[in-house]
Amino acid sequence: MPALIDDPLSPPNYRQSGLPPFLQQNSPLPSSITPRTVTLRDGTITTLIPFSSVSQVPPGLIKCLCDLLNREIEAGDTYPMLDPIPLEKFGPYWFANFAVVALRGGLEEVTGLLQGNGKVKWDEVVLGTHYIKVFCFCSLIEEGEMLGRRLD
């Protein structure tokens, strides 16, 4: 898959030097990294949920985020890839090291959605996501209506 940053079809890289922690696939996050509720400048209550493994993410949320990224890739404006990422490759690519998903709502509401029965309309609550890779790279995508809304 042609890409300028890294190949979503290749295995993830994990940091093995520098200061700990050295997260590996399915590693728990450090205790200081927890969900955080913030208020966007327009008053939208948003909860930032950190993930260190694709196994922690509901399948419907993975599909929603994959669709979001693929729309960005297909638009050809900002994301440095030529081809959309297949759904089965997206989760392991995006959540290989560390990712945060911004969801509309407070912590209690969002926690309920994450533990829900699969009938969540993720496209109505997903505001954006970002990941951090071990080679000092991060990527951010936002739902279109969220562009320009900032944290206070």
N, C-alpha and C. Protein backbone atom coordinates (compact mmCIF):
# COMPACT_ATOMS: atom_id res chain seq x y z
N MET A 1 0.85 -1.18 0.00
CA MET A 1 0.00 0.00 0.00
C MET A 1 0.89 1.23 0.00
N PRO A 2 0.90 2.03 -1.04
CA PRO A 2 1.75 3.22 -1.07
C PRO A 2 1.36 4.22 0.02
N ALA A 3 2.36 4.66 0.75
CA ALA A 3 2.15 5.64 1.81
C ALA A 3 3.44 6.39 2.05
N LEU A 4 3.32 7.61 2.51
CA LEU A 4 4.51 8.41 2.80
C LEU A 4 5.00 8.26 4.23
N ILE A 5 4.15 7.77 5.12
CA ILE A 5 4.55 7.71 6.52
C ILE A 5 4.97 6.32 6.95
N ASP A 6 4.09 5.39 6.94
CA ASP A 6 4.42 4.00 7.24
C ASP A 6 3.39 3.12 6.55
N ASP A 7 3.70 1.87 6.43
CA ASP A 7 2.85 0.95 5.70
C ASP A 7 1.86 0.30 6.66
N PRO A 8 0.56 0.57 6.50
CA PRO A 8 -0.41 -0.02 7.41
C PRO A 8 -0.52 -1.53 7.28
N LEU A 9 0.08 -2.11 6.28
CA LEU A 9 0.03 -3.56 6.11
C LEU A 9 1.21 -4.27 6.76
N SER A 10 2.21 -3.49 7.24
CA SER A 10 3.37 -4.10 7.87
C SER A 10 3.17 -4.21 9.38
N PRO A 11 3.94 -5.08 10.05
CA PRO A 11 3.81 -5.20 11.50
C PRO A 11 4.20 -3.90 12.19
N PRO A 12 3.62 -3.62 13.35
CA PRO A 12 3.96 -2.39 14.08
C PRO A 12 5.36 -2.44 14.67
N ASN A 13 5.93 -1.27 14.87
CA ASN A 13 7.20 -1.12 15.57
C ASN A 13 6.92 -0.76 17.02
N TYR A 14 7.75 -1.26 17.93
CA TYR A 14 7.62 -0.93 19.34
C TYR A 14 8.93 -0.38 19.85
N ARG A 15 8.84 0.65 20.66
CA ARG A 15 10.03 1.33 21.20
C ARG A 15 10.75 0.39 22.16
N GLN A 16 12.09 0.36 22.06
CA GLN A 16 12.88 -0.52 22.91
C GLN A 16 14.08 0.19 23.52
N SER A 17 14.13 1.51 23.40
CA SER A 17 15.23 2.25 24.00
C SER A 17 14.67 3.53 24.61
N GLY A 18 15.50 4.24 25.35
CA GLY A 18 15.04 5.44 26.02
C GLY A 18 14.44 5.10 27.38
N LEU A 19 13.68 6.04 27.92
CA LEU A 19 13.08 5.84 29.23
C LEU A 19 11.82 4.99 29.15
N PRO A 20 11.59 4.12 30.14
CA PRO A 20 10.35 3.33 30.14
C PRO A 20 9.15 4.26 30.36
N PRO A 21 7.95 3.83 30.05
CA PRO A 21 7.56 2.45 29.78
C PRO A 21 7.78 2.07 28.33
N PHE A 22 7.98 0.78 28.10
CA PHE A 22 8.13 0.22 26.76
C PHE A 22 6.86 -0.56 26.44
N LEU A 23 5.90 0.11 25.88
CA LEU A 23 4.63 -0.54 25.57
C LEU A 23 4.81 -1.53 24.44
N GLN A 24 4.21 -2.67 24.58
CA GLN A 24 4.13 -3.70 23.55
C GLN A 24 2.66 -3.90 23.23
N GLN A 25 2.37 -4.70 22.23
CA GLN A 25 0.98 -4.94 21.89
C GLN A 25 0.25 -5.49 23.12
N ASN A 26 -0.93 -4.94 23.38
CA ASN A 26 -1.79 -5.31 24.51
C ASN A 26 -1.21 -4.94 25.86
N SER A 27 -0.19 -4.09 25.91
CA SER A 27 0.35 -3.64 27.19
C SER A 27 -0.65 -2.70 27.86
N PRO A 28 -0.78 -2.78 29.17
CA PRO A 28 -1.62 -1.77 29.85
C PRO A 28 -0.93 -0.41 29.78
N LEU A 29 -1.73 0.63 29.76
CA LEU A 29 -1.19 1.98 29.77
C LEU A 29 -0.68 2.34 31.16
N PRO A 30 0.27 3.25 31.26
CA PRO A 30 0.68 3.72 32.59
C PRO A 30 -0.53 4.29 33.34
N SER A 31 -0.53 4.19 34.65
CA SER A 31 -1.68 4.61 35.45
C SER A 31 -2.00 6.10 35.30
N SER A 32 -1.04 6.88 34.85
CA SER A 32 -1.28 8.31 34.68
C SER A 32 -2.05 8.64 33.40
N ILE A 33 -2.20 7.67 32.51
CA ILE A 33 -2.94 7.89 31.26
C ILE A 33 -4.33 7.32 31.42
N THR A 34 -5.29 8.19 31.59
CA THR A 34 -6.68 7.81 31.84
C THR A 34 -7.61 8.63 30.95
N PRO A 35 -8.87 8.20 30.83
CA PRO A 35 -9.83 9.02 30.09
C PRO A 35 -9.92 10.41 30.70
N ARG A 36 -10.18 11.39 29.85
CA ARG A 36 -10.24 12.79 30.29
C ARG A 36 -11.42 13.46 29.61
N THR A 37 -12.23 14.15 30.38
CA THR A 37 -13.35 14.90 29.83
C THR A 37 -12.95 16.36 29.71
N VAL A 38 -13.23 16.93 28.54
CA VAL A 38 -12.88 18.32 28.24
C VAL A 38 -14.10 19.00 27.63
N THR A 39 -14.05 20.31 27.61
CA THR A 39 -15.10 21.09 26.95
C THR A 39 -14.48 21.82 25.78
N LEU A 40 -15.05 21.60 24.60
CA LEU A 40 -14.57 22.31 23.42
C LEU A 40 -15.02 23.76 23.49
N ARG A 41 -14.39 24.58 22.71
CA ARG A 41 -14.67 26.01 22.72
C ARG A 41 -16.15 26.31 22.49
N ASP A 42 -16.82 25.48 21.68
CA ASP A 42 -18.24 25.70 21.39
C ASP A 42 -19.16 25.12 22.45
N GLY A 43 -18.59 24.57 23.54
CA GLY A 43 -19.37 24.03 24.64
C GLY A 43 -19.63 22.53 24.56
N THR A 44 -19.16 21.86 23.51
CA THR A 44 -19.36 20.41 23.38
C THR A 44 -18.55 19.68 24.44
N ILE A 45 -19.24 18.87 25.26
CA ILE A 45 -18.57 18.03 26.25
C ILE A 45 -18.00 16.83 25.49
N THR A 46 -16.71 16.58 25.68
CA THR A 46 -15.99 15.56 24.93
C THR A 46 -15.15 14.74 25.89
N THR A 47 -15.13 13.42 25.69
CA THR A 47 -14.27 12.57 26.48
C THR A 47 -13.21 11.95 25.59
N LEU A 48 -11.97 12.06 26.03
CA LEU A 48 -10.82 11.51 25.31
C LEU A 48 -10.50 10.16 25.93
N ILE A 49 -10.61 9.11 25.11
CA ILE A 49 -10.40 7.75 25.61
C ILE A 49 -9.09 7.21 25.04
N PRO A 50 -8.12 6.87 25.91
CA PRO A 50 -6.85 6.30 25.42
C PRO A 50 -6.97 4.78 25.23
N PHE A 51 -6.31 4.27 24.19
CA PHE A 51 -6.28 2.84 23.92
C PHE A 51 -4.84 2.43 23.63
N SER A 52 -4.45 1.24 24.09
CA SER A 52 -3.13 0.72 23.78
C SER A 52 -3.19 -0.58 22.98
N SER A 53 -4.40 -0.96 22.58
CA SER A 53 -4.56 -2.20 21.83
C SER A 53 -5.88 -2.18 21.08
N VAL A 54 -5.87 -2.74 19.89
CA VAL A 54 -7.10 -2.83 19.11
C VAL A 54 -8.14 -3.71 19.82
N SER A 55 -7.69 -4.63 20.65
CA SER A 55 -8.63 -5.53 21.35
C SER A 55 -9.50 -4.77 22.36
N GLN A 56 -9.12 -3.56 22.71
CA GLN A 56 -9.89 -2.74 23.66
C GLN A 56 -11.00 -1.95 22.98
N VAL A 57 -11.03 -1.94 21.66
CA VAL A 57 -11.90 -1.04 20.91
C VAL A 57 -13.09 -1.81 20.34
N PRO A 58 -14.32 -1.33 20.57
CA PRO A 58 -15.49 -2.02 20.00
C PRO A 58 -15.41 -2.07 18.47
N PRO A 59 -15.81 -3.19 17.87
CA PRO A 59 -15.74 -3.33 16.41
C PRO A 59 -16.47 -2.22 15.65
N GLY A 60 -17.61 -1.78 16.13
CA GLY A 60 -18.34 -0.71 15.45
C GLY A 60 -17.58 0.60 15.45
N LEU A 61 -16.85 0.87 16.53
CA LEU A 61 -16.03 2.08 16.61
C LEU A 61 -14.85 1.98 15.63
N ILE A 62 -14.25 0.79 15.53
CA ILE A 62 -13.16 0.60 14.57
C ILE A 62 -13.66 0.88 13.16
N LYS A 63 -14.83 0.36 12.82
CA LYS A 63 -15.37 0.59 11.47
C LYS A 63 -15.63 2.07 11.23
N CYS A 64 -16.19 2.75 12.20
CA CYS A 64 -16.47 4.19 12.06
C CYS A 64 -15.18 4.97 11.82
N LEU A 65 -14.14 4.67 12.59
CA LEU A 65 -12.86 5.37 12.45
C LEU A 65 -12.19 5.03 11.12
N CYS A 66 -12.30 3.78 10.69
CA CYS A 66 -11.76 3.37 9.41
C CYS A 66 -12.44 4.14 8.28
N ASP A 67 -13.77 4.24 8.34
CA ASP A 67 -14.51 5.01 7.34
C ASP A 67 -14.07 6.47 7.33
N LEU A 68 -13.86 7.03 8.52
CA LEU A 68 -13.43 8.42 8.64
C LEU A 68 -12.07 8.63 7.98
N LEU A 69 -11.12 7.75 8.28
CA LEU A 69 -9.80 7.88 7.68
C LEU A 69 -9.86 7.66 6.17
N ASN A 70 -10.61 6.67 5.73
CA ASN A 70 -10.68 6.39 4.30
C ASN A 70 -11.32 7.54 3.52
N ARG A 71 -12.27 8.23 4.10
CA ARG A 71 -12.83 9.43 3.44
C ARG A 71 -11.73 10.48 3.27
N GLU A 72 -10.89 10.61 4.28
CA GLU A 72 -9.80 11.58 4.22
C GLU A 72 -8.77 11.17 3.16
N ILE A 73 -8.44 9.89 3.11
CA ILE A 73 -7.49 9.39 2.10
C ILE A 73 -8.06 9.62 0.70
N GLU A 74 -9.32 9.27 0.51
CA GLU A 74 -9.95 9.40 -0.81
C GLU A 74 -10.06 10.85 -1.24
N ALA A 75 -10.22 11.77 -0.30
CA ALA A 75 -10.28 13.19 -0.65
C ALA A 75 -8.94 13.68 -1.18
N GLY A 76 -7.86 13.04 -0.73
CA GLY A 76 -6.54 13.38 -1.24
C GLY A 76 -5.98 14.70 -0.77
N ASP A 77 -6.54 15.28 0.28
CA ASP A 77 -6.11 16.60 0.71
C ASP A 77 -5.03 16.59 1.79
N THR A 78 -5.15 15.70 2.78
CA THR A 78 -4.25 15.82 3.92
C THR A 78 -3.54 14.54 4.32
N TYR A 79 -4.13 13.39 4.15
CA TYR A 79 -3.51 12.17 4.66
C TYR A 79 -2.61 11.56 3.60
N PRO A 80 -1.34 11.29 3.92
CA PRO A 80 -0.36 10.90 2.89
C PRO A 80 -0.41 9.42 2.50
N MET A 81 -1.56 8.97 2.07
CA MET A 81 -1.72 7.62 1.53
C MET A 81 -2.50 7.71 0.23
N LEU A 82 -2.27 6.74 -0.64
CA LEU A 82 -2.94 6.75 -1.92
C LEU A 82 -4.20 5.88 -1.94
N ASP A 83 -4.19 4.80 -1.17
CA ASP A 83 -5.29 3.85 -1.20
C ASP A 83 -5.97 3.76 0.16
N PRO A 84 -7.28 3.57 0.18
CA PRO A 84 -7.98 3.35 1.44
C PRO A 84 -7.43 2.12 2.16
N ILE A 85 -7.56 2.10 3.47
CA ILE A 85 -7.10 0.98 4.28
C ILE A 85 -8.26 0.00 4.46
N PRO A 86 -8.05 -1.29 4.18
CA PRO A 86 -9.11 -2.27 4.42
C PRO A 86 -9.46 -2.33 5.91
N LEU A 87 -10.72 -2.54 6.21
CA LEU A 87 -11.18 -2.57 7.60
C LEU A 87 -10.36 -3.51 8.45
N GLU A 88 -10.05 -4.70 7.95
CA GLU A 88 -9.34 -5.69 8.77
C GLU A 88 -7.90 -5.26 9.08
N LYS A 89 -7.35 -4.30 8.33
CA LYS A 89 -6.00 -3.79 8.58
C LYS A 89 -6.00 -2.50 9.39
N PHE A 90 -7.12 -1.78 9.39
CA PHE A 90 -7.16 -0.48 10.05
C PHE A 90 -6.91 -0.58 11.56
N GLY A 91 -7.65 -1.42 12.25
CA GLY A 91 -7.53 -1.51 13.71
C GLY A 91 -6.11 -1.80 14.18
N PRO A 92 -5.47 -2.86 13.64
CA PRO A 92 -4.09 -3.13 14.05
C PRO A 92 -3.12 -2.00 13.69
N TYR A 93 -3.39 -1.29 12.59
CA TYR A 93 -2.54 -0.16 12.20
C TYR A 93 -2.74 1.03 13.15
N TRP A 94 -3.97 1.45 13.37
CA TRP A 94 -4.25 2.67 14.12
C TRP A 94 -3.98 2.49 15.62
N PHE A 95 -4.29 1.33 16.16
CA PHE A 95 -4.20 1.10 17.60
C PHE A 95 -2.99 0.26 18.00
N ALA A 96 -1.96 0.19 17.14
CA ALA A 96 -0.80 -0.66 17.41
C ALA A 96 -0.01 -0.22 18.63
N ASN A 97 0.14 1.08 18.84
CA ASN A 97 0.96 1.59 19.93
C ASN A 97 0.13 2.34 20.96
N PHE A 98 -0.43 3.45 20.53
CA PHE A 98 -1.22 4.29 21.44
C PHE A 98 -2.11 5.18 20.59
N ALA A 99 -3.38 5.21 20.92
CA ALA A 99 -4.31 6.08 20.22
C ALA A 99 -5.33 6.63 21.21
N VAL A 100 -5.87 7.78 20.87
CA VAL A 100 -6.93 8.41 21.65
C VAL A 100 -8.09 8.67 20.70
N VAL A 101 -9.29 8.39 21.20
CA VAL A 101 -10.50 8.68 20.43
C VAL A 101 -11.30 9.71 21.21
N ALA A 102 -11.72 10.77 20.53
CA ALA A 102 -12.55 11.81 21.14
C ALA A 102 -14.01 11.49 20.84
N LEU A 103 -14.79 11.32 21.90
CA LEU A 103 -16.20 10.98 21.76
C LEU A 103 -17.07 12.04 22.42
N ARG A 104 -18.17 12.37 21.78
CA ARG A 104 -19.11 13.35 22.32
C ARG A 104 -19.77 12.79 23.58
N GLY A 105 -19.73 13.55 24.66
CA GLY A 105 -20.37 13.15 25.90
C GLY A 105 -19.40 13.10 27.06
N GLY A 106 -19.97 13.02 28.27
CA GLY A 106 -19.17 12.93 29.48
C GLY A 106 -18.66 11.51 29.70
N LEU A 107 -17.81 11.35 30.70
CA LEU A 107 -17.15 10.07 30.96
C LEU A 107 -18.15 8.94 31.20
N GLU A 108 -19.16 9.18 32.02
CA GLU A 108 -20.13 8.13 32.32
C GLU A 108 -20.88 7.69 31.06
N GLU A 109 -21.31 8.66 30.28
CA GLU A 109 -22.03 8.35 29.04
C GLU A 109 -21.15 7.59 28.06
N VAL A 110 -19.92 8.05 27.88
CA VAL A 110 -19.00 7.42 26.94
C VAL A 110 -18.62 6.02 27.40
N THR A 111 -18.40 5.84 28.70
CA THR A 111 -18.09 4.52 29.24
C THR A 111 -19.24 3.56 28.94
N GLY A 112 -20.46 4.03 29.08
CA GLY A 112 -21.63 3.21 28.75
C GLY A 112 -21.64 2.82 27.28
N LEU A 113 -21.28 3.75 26.41
CA LEU A 113 -21.24 3.45 24.97
C LEU A 113 -20.19 2.37 24.68
N LEU A 114 -19.02 2.50 25.29
CA LEU A 114 -17.94 1.55 25.05
C LEU A 114 -18.27 0.16 25.55
N GLN A 115 -19.13 0.07 26.56
CA GLN A 115 -19.51 -1.23 27.11
C GLN A 115 -20.87 -1.68 26.57
N GLY A 116 -21.38 -0.94 25.58
CA GLY A 116 -22.72 -1.18 25.05
C GLY A 116 -22.87 -2.48 24.29
N ASN A 117 -24.05 -2.61 23.72
CA ASN A 117 -24.43 -3.87 23.08
C ASN A 117 -24.19 -3.86 21.57
N GLY A 118 -23.43 -2.93 21.06
CA GLY A 118 -23.14 -2.90 19.64
C GLY A 118 -24.12 -2.08 18.81
N LYS A 119 -25.11 -1.49 19.43
CA LYS A 119 -26.10 -0.72 18.69
C LYS A 119 -25.83 0.78 18.75
N VAL A 120 -24.60 1.14 19.03
CA VAL A 120 -24.21 2.54 19.13
C VAL A 120 -24.08 3.12 17.73
N LYS A 121 -24.59 4.32 17.52
CA LYS A 121 -24.41 5.03 16.26
C LYS A 121 -23.12 5.84 16.39
N TRP A 122 -21.99 5.16 16.14
CA TRP A 122 -20.69 5.77 16.38
C TRP A 122 -20.48 7.03 15.57
N ASP A 123 -21.04 7.09 14.37
CA ASP A 123 -20.84 8.29 13.55
C ASP A 123 -21.48 9.52 14.16
N GLU A 124 -22.34 9.34 15.16
CA GLU A 124 -22.97 10.48 15.84
C GLU A 124 -22.19 10.93 17.07
N VAL A 125 -21.24 10.11 17.54
CA VAL A 125 -20.50 10.46 18.75
C VAL A 125 -19.00 10.62 18.53
N VAL A 126 -18.47 10.07 17.44
CA VAL A 126 -17.04 10.19 17.17
C VAL A 126 -16.73 11.62 16.71
N LEU A 127 -15.79 12.25 17.39
CA LEU A 127 -15.38 13.60 17.01
C LEU A 127 -14.01 13.60 16.35
N GLY A 128 -13.20 12.60 16.62
CA GLY A 128 -11.89 12.52 16.01
C GLY A 128 -11.03 11.51 16.74
N THR A 129 -9.82 11.33 16.25
CA THR A 129 -8.89 10.39 16.85
C THR A 129 -7.47 10.78 16.46
N HIS A 130 -6.52 10.35 17.26
CA HIS A 130 -5.12 10.48 16.88
C HIS A 130 -4.35 9.29 17.42
N TYR A 131 -3.25 8.98 16.77
CA TYR A 131 -2.37 7.94 17.28
C TYR A 131 -0.97 8.51 17.39
N ILE A 132 -0.15 7.82 18.16
CA ILE A 132 1.27 8.17 18.27
C ILE A 132 2.05 6.90 17.97
N LYS A 133 2.99 7.02 17.04
CA LYS A 133 3.84 5.89 16.67
C LYS A 133 5.21 6.06 17.34
N VAL A 134 5.96 4.98 17.42
CA VAL A 134 7.22 5.00 18.15
C VAL A 134 8.31 5.82 17.47
N PHE A 135 8.17 6.12 16.20
CA PHE A 135 9.21 6.87 15.51
C PHE A 135 8.85 8.34 15.43
N CYS A 136 8.33 8.88 16.53
CA CYS A 136 8.06 10.30 16.67
C CYS A 136 7.09 10.83 15.62
N PHE A 137 6.06 10.10 15.38
CA PHE A 137 5.06 10.53 14.42
C PHE A 137 3.69 10.37 15.04
N CYS A 138 2.83 11.31 14.75
CA CYS A 138 1.45 11.16 15.18
C CYS A 138 0.56 11.56 14.02
N SER A 139 -0.68 11.16 14.09
CA SER A 139 -1.63 11.48 13.03
C SER A 139 -2.95 11.82 13.67
N LEU A 140 -3.66 12.74 13.07
CA LEU A 140 -4.93 13.23 13.61
C LEU A 140 -5.95 13.28 12.49
N ILE A 141 -7.15 12.79 12.77
CA ILE A 141 -8.27 13.00 11.87
C ILE A 141 -9.46 13.47 12.70
N GLU A 142 -10.23 14.38 12.13
CA GLU A 142 -11.40 14.91 12.81
C GLU A 142 -12.61 14.70 11.92
N GLU A 143 -13.75 14.51 12.56
CA GLU A 143 -15.01 14.49 11.84
C GLU A 143 -15.22 15.89 11.29
N GLY A 144 -15.72 16.00 10.06
CA GLY A 144 -15.84 17.29 9.38
C GLY A 144 -16.47 18.40 10.17
N GLU A 145 -17.55 18.09 10.89
CA GLU A 145 -18.22 19.14 11.66
C GLU A 145 -17.39 19.63 12.83
N MET A 146 -16.34 18.90 13.18
CA MET A 146 -15.52 19.27 14.34
C MET A 146 -14.36 20.19 13.97
N LEU A 147 -14.09 20.36 12.69
CA LEU A 147 -12.98 21.20 12.29
C LEU A 147 -13.11 22.60 12.87
N GLY A 148 -12.05 23.10 13.46
CA GLY A 148 -12.04 24.45 14.00
C GLY A 148 -12.52 24.55 15.44
N ARG A 149 -13.09 23.49 16.00
CA ARG A 149 -13.48 23.53 17.41
C ARG A 149 -12.23 23.19 18.21
N ARG A 150 -11.92 24.03 19.18
CA ARG A 150 -10.70 23.82 19.94
C ARG A 150 -11.02 23.63 21.41
N LEU A 151 -10.05 23.06 22.11
CA LEU A 151 -10.15 22.96 23.55
C LEU A 151 -9.88 24.31 24.14
N ASP A 152 -10.59 24.67 25.18
CA ASP A 152 -10.28 25.91 25.91
C ASP A 152 -9.19 25.66 26.91
